[in-house]
């Protein structure tokens, strides 16, 4: 097996079936269990308010940055990342300050996942911009990337501005915090090829390698266009997994999940490596500690397959 990494996506949302919310103590317990089981990363989503047609009502989310800091402070070994922070919701200079601070809190375990965000009803509800979302993202990167890599930025763009901006203080890895860009369209994939250490996207219809092959091919083509070696960028995909007898993710519009016995789930995850994926981020259904615990034998098999049997 390749060195395929496996992540756990923390369920910050009110549960689609019944609006049950995970309180802090339960979320903390999930992060600690993921660390104990041996997941490589715990991911913290950045969403605000979802109104999905197949759900019985609105569903909200705990705020990403505050939760990422709390998870970073509560864990010891597992990497902590944002999957993915919305550029549309935050000032780019302050976003870089958030990133350095989270890397400090985590002791150098933070992964900076960033995306454009959306201009849908979620943005409208919070009074966020709904126009030129990708253009705003591209402009924000002109501040975020030089601050992150070089410690300063000077930029006067159509949407964002920075005047002799310095990144002070720096965290434990100045210039070396991994940048993961969430990208599912041609323009954002091009931005990932240019700037990212890792590209990432998530399931829409089926949690299987074939769904992501066209995106991987588009990423490789974008790398070739700018003269970047495609092997220098990681590839992360988010999939739904049902590790117990409880089903329902497909019913609630989350696509066809990975199901089966532990060895079958492990084999299904390993198959992503065959199409060039380097990281698989697991969204567990149902969103409970018991379902996460059921992933223990899956993670054990994956880690044994890569010759790494230690936790975290």
Protein backbone atom coordinates (compact mmCIF):
# COMPACT_ATOMS: atom_id res chain seq x y z
CA UNK A 1 0.00 0.00 0.00
CA UNK A 2 1.08 3.59 -0.61
CA UNK A 3 1.46 6.07 2.23
CA UNK A 4 -2.24 6.92 2.08
CA UNK A 5 -3.25 9.14 5.01
CA UNK A 6 -6.66 8.97 6.63
CA UNK A 7 -8.48 11.83 8.28
CA UNK A 8 -11.61 12.22 10.37
CA UNK A 9 -13.99 15.13 9.70
CA UNK A 10 -15.47 16.43 12.93
CA UNK A 11 -19.31 16.67 12.66
CA UNK A 12 -19.91 20.24 13.78
CA UNK A 13 -23.42 20.35 12.33
CA UNK A 14 -26.85 19.77 13.78
CA UNK A 15 -27.72 16.23 12.71
CA UNK A 16 -29.72 16.18 9.44
CA UNK A 17 -32.45 13.77 10.70
CA UNK A 18 -33.29 15.38 14.03
CA UNK A 19 -31.18 18.54 14.55
CA UNK A 20 -29.28 16.92 17.42
CA UNK A 21 -26.24 19.05 18.19
CA UNK A 22 -22.94 17.70 19.43
CA UNK A 23 -21.90 19.65 22.53
CA UNK A 24 -18.26 20.54 23.10
CA UNK A 25 -17.54 17.60 25.39
CA UNK A 26 -18.77 15.12 22.77
CA UNK A 27 -16.76 16.80 20.00
CA UNK A 28 -13.67 16.83 22.19
CA UNK A 29 -14.20 13.14 22.94
CA UNK A 30 -14.46 12.43 19.21
CA UNK A 31 -11.18 14.22 18.48
CA UNK A 32 -9.42 12.36 21.28
CA UNK A 33 -10.85 9.03 20.09
CA UNK A 34 -9.70 9.76 16.53
CA UNK A 35 -6.23 10.44 17.90
CA UNK A 36 -6.26 7.22 19.93
CA UNK A 37 -7.51 5.10 17.04
CA UNK A 38 -4.72 6.38 14.81
CA UNK A 39 -6.26 8.80 12.32
CA UNK A 40 -3.62 11.08 10.82
CA UNK A 41 -5.71 14.26 10.93
CA UNK A 42 -8.86 15.63 12.51
CA UNK A 43 -10.56 18.12 10.20
CA UNK A 44 -12.74 21.04 11.31
CA UNK A 45 -15.30 22.20 8.70
CA UNK A 46 -16.15 25.85 8.06
CA UNK A 47 -19.88 26.18 7.38
CA UNK A 48 -22.58 28.48 8.72
CA UNK A 49 -26.20 27.56 7.99
CA UNK A 50 -27.49 24.85 5.67
CA UNK A 51 -31.00 24.65 4.25
CA UNK A 52 -31.04 21.44 2.21
CA UNK A 53 -34.22 20.42 0.40
CA UNK A 54 -34.14 16.79 1.59
CA UNK A 55 -33.56 17.79 5.23
CA UNK A 56 -36.56 18.52 7.48
CA UNK A 57 -35.32 22.00 8.37
CA UNK A 58 -32.36 24.36 8.68
CA UNK A 59 -29.16 22.98 10.20
CA UNK A 60 -26.45 25.13 11.76
CA UNK A 61 -22.75 24.58 12.52
CA UNK A 62 -20.37 25.47 15.32
CA UNK A 63 -17.82 28.09 14.24
CA UNK A 64 -14.67 26.67 12.65
CA UNK A 65 -11.79 28.77 13.97
CA UNK A 66 -12.83 28.69 17.63
CA UNK A 67 -13.39 24.93 17.41
CA UNK A 68 -10.05 24.32 15.64
CA UNK A 69 -8.23 26.15 18.42
CA UNK A 70 -10.01 24.14 21.09
CA UNK A 71 -9.28 20.84 19.32
CA UNK A 72 -5.64 21.81 18.81
CA UNK A 73 -5.30 22.57 22.52
CA UNK A 74 -7.03 19.32 23.53
CA UNK A 75 -4.99 16.90 21.40
CA UNK A 76 -1.30 16.01 21.43
CA UNK A 77 -0.22 14.10 18.33
CA UNK A 78 -2.90 14.14 15.63
CA UNK A 79 -2.71 16.83 12.98
CA UNK A 80 -5.50 19.43 13.06
CA UNK A 81 -6.77 21.11 9.91
CA UNK A 82 -9.53 23.32 8.53
CA UNK A 83 -11.54 21.60 5.80
CA UNK A 84 -11.80 24.18 4.42
CA UNK A 85 -11.71 27.73 5.76
CA UNK A 86 -13.90 30.06 3.69
CA UNK A 87 -12.07 32.98 2.11
CA UNK A 88 -15.42 34.66 1.48
CA UNK A 89 -16.09 34.95 5.20
CA UNK A 90 -12.82 36.53 6.37
CA UNK A 91 -10.30 39.29 5.75
CA UNK A 92 -7.23 37.66 4.11
CA UNK A 93 -4.65 39.28 6.38
CA UNK A 94 -6.55 38.25 9.49
CA UNK A 95 -6.95 34.76 8.02
CA UNK A 96 -3.17 34.39 7.92
CA UNK A 97 -3.02 35.57 11.55
CA UNK A 98 -5.54 32.87 12.46
CA UNK A 99 -3.38 30.26 10.73
CA UNK A 100 -0.15 31.23 12.51
CA UNK A 101 -2.00 31.27 15.84
CA UNK A 102 -3.53 27.83 15.29
CA UNK A 103 -0.13 26.45 14.35
CA UNK A 104 1.24 27.89 17.60
CA UNK A 105 -1.57 26.37 19.68
CA UNK A 106 -1.09 22.97 18.03
CA UNK A 107 2.69 22.98 18.35
CA UNK A 108 3.20 22.78 14.59
CA UNK A 109 0.43 20.26 13.80
CA UNK A 110 -1.89 22.57 11.86
CA UNK A 111 -2.88 22.15 8.20
CA UNK A 112 -4.33 25.25 6.56
CA UNK A 113 -7.25 24.18 4.39
CA UNK A 114 -8.70 27.11 2.42
CA UNK A 115 -11.42 27.50 -0.18
CA UNK A 116 -13.36 30.22 -1.93
CA UNK A 117 -16.54 29.75 0.09
CA UNK A 118 -19.87 30.14 -1.61
CA UNK A 119 -22.18 32.91 -2.72
CA UNK A 120 -25.37 30.98 -2.00
CA UNK A 121 -28.18 31.54 0.51
CA UNK A 122 -25.78 30.78 3.35
CA UNK A 123 -23.71 33.82 2.40
CA UNK A 124 -26.82 35.93 1.92
CA UNK A 125 -28.12 35.08 5.39
CA UNK A 126 -24.92 36.42 6.96
CA UNK A 127 -24.63 39.46 4.70
CA UNK A 128 -21.53 38.11 2.95
CA UNK A 129 -20.69 38.90 -0.70
CA UNK A 130 -22.50 36.77 -3.27
CA UNK A 131 -20.77 38.07 -6.39
CA UNK A 132 -17.32 37.25 -7.86
CA UNK A 133 -16.65 34.66 -5.15
CA UNK A 134 -13.82 32.96 -7.04
CA UNK A 135 -12.37 36.33 -8.06
CA UNK A 136 -12.39 37.41 -4.42
CA UNK A 137 -10.66 34.15 -3.50
CA UNK A 138 -7.97 34.65 -6.13
CA UNK A 139 -7.41 38.19 -4.89
CA UNK A 140 -7.24 37.03 -1.25
CA UNK A 141 -4.51 34.52 -2.15
CA UNK A 142 -2.36 37.43 -3.34
CA UNK A 143 -2.20 38.49 0.31
CA UNK A 144 -2.45 35.17 2.15
CA UNK A 145 0.26 33.28 0.25
CA UNK A 146 3.06 35.86 0.52
CA UNK A 147 2.23 36.48 4.17
CA UNK A 148 2.24 32.75 4.85
CA UNK A 149 5.44 32.02 2.93
CA UNK A 150 7.46 35.24 3.17
CA UNK A 151 6.02 36.99 6.21
CA UNK A 152 4.73 40.11 4.47
CA UNK A 153 2.35 41.31 1.76
CA UNK A 154 1.74 44.43 -0.31
CA UNK A 155 -1.33 44.30 -2.52
CA UNK A 156 -3.93 46.63 -4.00
CA UNK A 157 -6.48 44.43 -5.74
CA UNK A 158 -10.06 44.72 -6.87
CA UNK A 159 -11.41 43.22 -3.63
CA UNK A 160 -8.63 43.16 -1.03
CA UNK A 161 -5.84 45.46 0.05
CA UNK A 162 -2.71 45.16 2.19
CA UNK A 163 -0.32 48.01 2.93
CA UNK A 164 3.17 47.04 4.16
CA UNK A 165 1.53 44.15 6.00
CA UNK A 166 3.76 41.97 8.19
CA UNK A 167 3.06 38.58 9.72
CA UNK A 168 4.05 39.02 13.36
CA UNK A 169 4.50 36.97 15.46
CA UNK A 170 5.24 33.79 13.52
CA UNK A 171 4.26 30.34 14.70
CA UNK A 172 6.59 27.35 15.11
CA UNK A 173 6.85 26.75 11.31
CA UNK A 174 7.35 30.15 9.65
CA UNK A 175 6.92 29.74 5.90
CA UNK A 176 6.24 26.00 6.14
CA UNK A 177 2.60 25.56 7.21
CA UNK A 178 0.97 23.21 4.64
CA UNK A 179 -1.62 24.95 2.45
CA UNK A 180 -4.50 22.81 1.20
CA UNK A 181 -6.88 24.38 -1.32
CA UNK A 182 -10.39 23.03 -1.85
CA UNK A 183 -11.11 23.19 -5.57
CA UNK A 184 -13.80 21.61 -7.73
CA UNK A 185 -13.91 23.87 -10.80
CA UNK A 186 -11.39 24.85 -13.51
CA UNK A 187 -10.45 28.24 -12.02
CA UNK A 188 -10.01 27.03 -8.45
CA UNK A 189 -8.14 23.91 -9.61
CA UNK A 190 -5.78 26.26 -11.42
CA UNK A 191 -5.26 28.20 -8.20
CA UNK A 192 -4.56 24.96 -6.33
CA UNK A 193 -1.97 23.95 -8.94
CA UNK A 194 -0.25 27.32 -8.54
CA UNK A 195 -0.32 27.73 -4.78
CA UNK A 196 -1.27 24.59 -2.84
CA UNK A 197 0.73 21.87 -1.16
CA UNK A 198 -2.44 19.74 -1.20
CA UNK A 199 -5.56 19.81 -3.38
CA UNK A 200 -8.88 18.67 -1.88
CA UNK A 201 -12.50 18.02 -2.83
CA UNK A 202 -15.47 16.04 -1.52
CA UNK A 203 -18.02 13.49 -2.68
CA UNK A 204 -21.14 14.61 -4.51
CA UNK A 205 -22.69 11.39 -5.78
CA UNK A 206 -20.64 8.28 -4.92
CA UNK A 207 -17.81 7.76 -2.43
CA UNK A 208 -15.62 5.88 -4.86
CA UNK A 209 -12.44 6.61 -6.87
CA UNK A 210 -14.21 7.00 -10.21
CA UNK A 211 -15.98 10.13 -8.95
CA UNK A 212 -12.67 11.91 -8.40
CA UNK A 213 -10.67 10.71 -11.42
CA UNK A 214 -11.77 13.59 -13.70
CA UNK A 215 -10.78 16.13 -11.03
CA UNK A 216 -7.38 14.51 -10.53
CA UNK A 217 -6.84 14.60 -14.29
CA UNK A 218 -7.83 18.28 -14.37
CA UNK A 219 -5.39 18.99 -11.53
CA UNK A 220 -2.55 17.23 -13.34
CA UNK A 221 -3.34 19.15 -16.52
CA UNK A 222 -3.33 22.45 -14.61
CA UNK A 223 0.05 21.55 -13.11
CA UNK A 224 1.43 20.71 -16.56
CA UNK A 225 0.18 24.03 -17.91
CA UNK A 226 2.29 26.01 -15.44
CA UNK A 227 5.25 23.62 -15.46
CA UNK A 228 4.68 22.12 -12.03
CA UNK A 229 5.47 18.48 -11.36
CA UNK A 230 2.07 16.92 -10.42
CA UNK A 231 3.86 14.64 -7.96
CA UNK A 232 4.63 17.69 -5.78
CA UNK A 233 0.98 18.28 -4.82
CA UNK A 234 -1.01 16.04 -2.47
CA UNK A 235 -4.55 14.95 -3.36
CA UNK A 236 -7.21 14.80 -0.64
CA UNK A 237 -10.80 13.60 -1.04
CA UNK A 238 -13.67 13.56 1.43
CA UNK A 239 -16.02 10.56 1.45
CA UNK A 240 -18.91 9.30 3.55
CA UNK A 241 -18.50 6.01 5.40
CA UNK A 242 -21.13 3.92 7.18
CA UNK A 243 -19.12 1.57 9.42
CA UNK A 244 -22.12 0.17 11.35
CA UNK A 245 -25.55 -1.21 10.45
CA UNK A 246 -27.03 2.30 10.69
CA UNK A 247 -27.58 3.79 7.24
CA UNK A 248 -29.05 7.07 6.02
CA UNK A 249 -26.37 9.28 4.46
CA UNK A 250 -27.67 8.56 0.95
CA UNK A 251 -31.25 9.27 2.06
CA UNK A 252 -30.20 12.73 3.23
CA UNK A 253 -28.55 13.66 -0.04
CA UNK A 254 -24.94 12.95 0.93
CA UNK A 255 -24.19 10.48 -1.84
CA UNK A 256 -23.65 6.72 -1.88
CA UNK A 257 -21.29 5.92 1.02
CA UNK A 258 -18.64 3.28 1.60
CA UNK A 259 -20.23 0.38 3.52
CA UNK A 260 -19.31 -3.11 4.64
CA UNK A 261 -17.13 -5.05 7.02
CA UNK A 262 -13.93 -3.40 8.29
CA UNK A 263 -11.75 -5.19 5.75
CA UNK A 264 -14.10 -4.15 2.94
CA UNK A 265 -14.08 -0.51 4.03
CA UNK A 266 -10.29 -0.56 4.34
CA UNK A 267 -9.97 -2.02 0.84
CA UNK A 268 -12.35 0.63 -0.54
CA UNK A 269 -10.26 3.39 1.03
CA UNK A 270 -7.01 1.86 -0.25
CA UNK A 271 -8.47 1.87 -3.78
CA UNK A 272 -8.32 5.68 -3.81
CA UNK A 273 -4.54 5.41 -3.86
CA UNK A 274 -4.79 3.66 -7.23
CA UNK A 275 -6.06 6.87 -8.86
CA UNK A 276 -3.43 9.12 -7.31
CA UNK A 277 -5.19 10.14 -4.09
CA UNK A 278 -2.83 10.61 -1.13
CA UNK A 279 -5.34 11.43 1.63
CA UNK A 280 -8.87 10.21 2.36
CA UNK A 281 -10.96 12.30 4.77
CA UNK A 282 -13.75 10.30 6.40
CA UNK A 283 -17.17 11.73 7.17
CA UNK A 284 -18.77 9.11 9.42
CA UNK A 285 -22.47 8.25 9.40
CA UNK A 286 -24.10 8.30 11.85
CA UNK A 287 -22.21 11.15 13.52
CA UNK A 288 -21.71 9.37 16.85
CA UNK A 289 -18.87 8.16 19.03
CA UNK A 290 -20.05 4.58 18.50
CA UNK A 291 -19.76 4.90 14.71
CA UNK A 292 -16.32 6.46 15.07
CA UNK A 293 -15.24 3.60 17.35
CA UNK A 294 -16.38 1.18 14.64
CA UNK A 295 -13.65 2.69 12.44
CA UNK A 296 -10.91 1.39 14.75
CA UNK A 297 -10.34 -1.93 12.90
CA UNK A 298 -10.46 -0.08 9.56
CA UNK A 299 -7.74 2.36 10.60
CA UNK A 300 -5.68 -0.47 12.11
CA UNK A 301 -5.73 -2.33 8.79
CA UNK A 302 -4.75 0.79 6.86
CA UNK A 303 -1.88 1.62 9.17
CA UNK A 304 -0.62 -1.97 9.16
CA UNK A 305 -0.71 -1.86 5.37
CA UNK A 306 1.69 1.05 5.30
CA UNK A 307 3.92 -0.38 8.03
CA UNK A 308 2.83 2.14 10.66
CA UNK A 309 1.10 0.58 13.63
CA UNK A 310 1.43 3.40 16.14
CA UNK A 311 -1.49 5.68 16.99
CA UNK A 312 -1.57 9.33 16.04
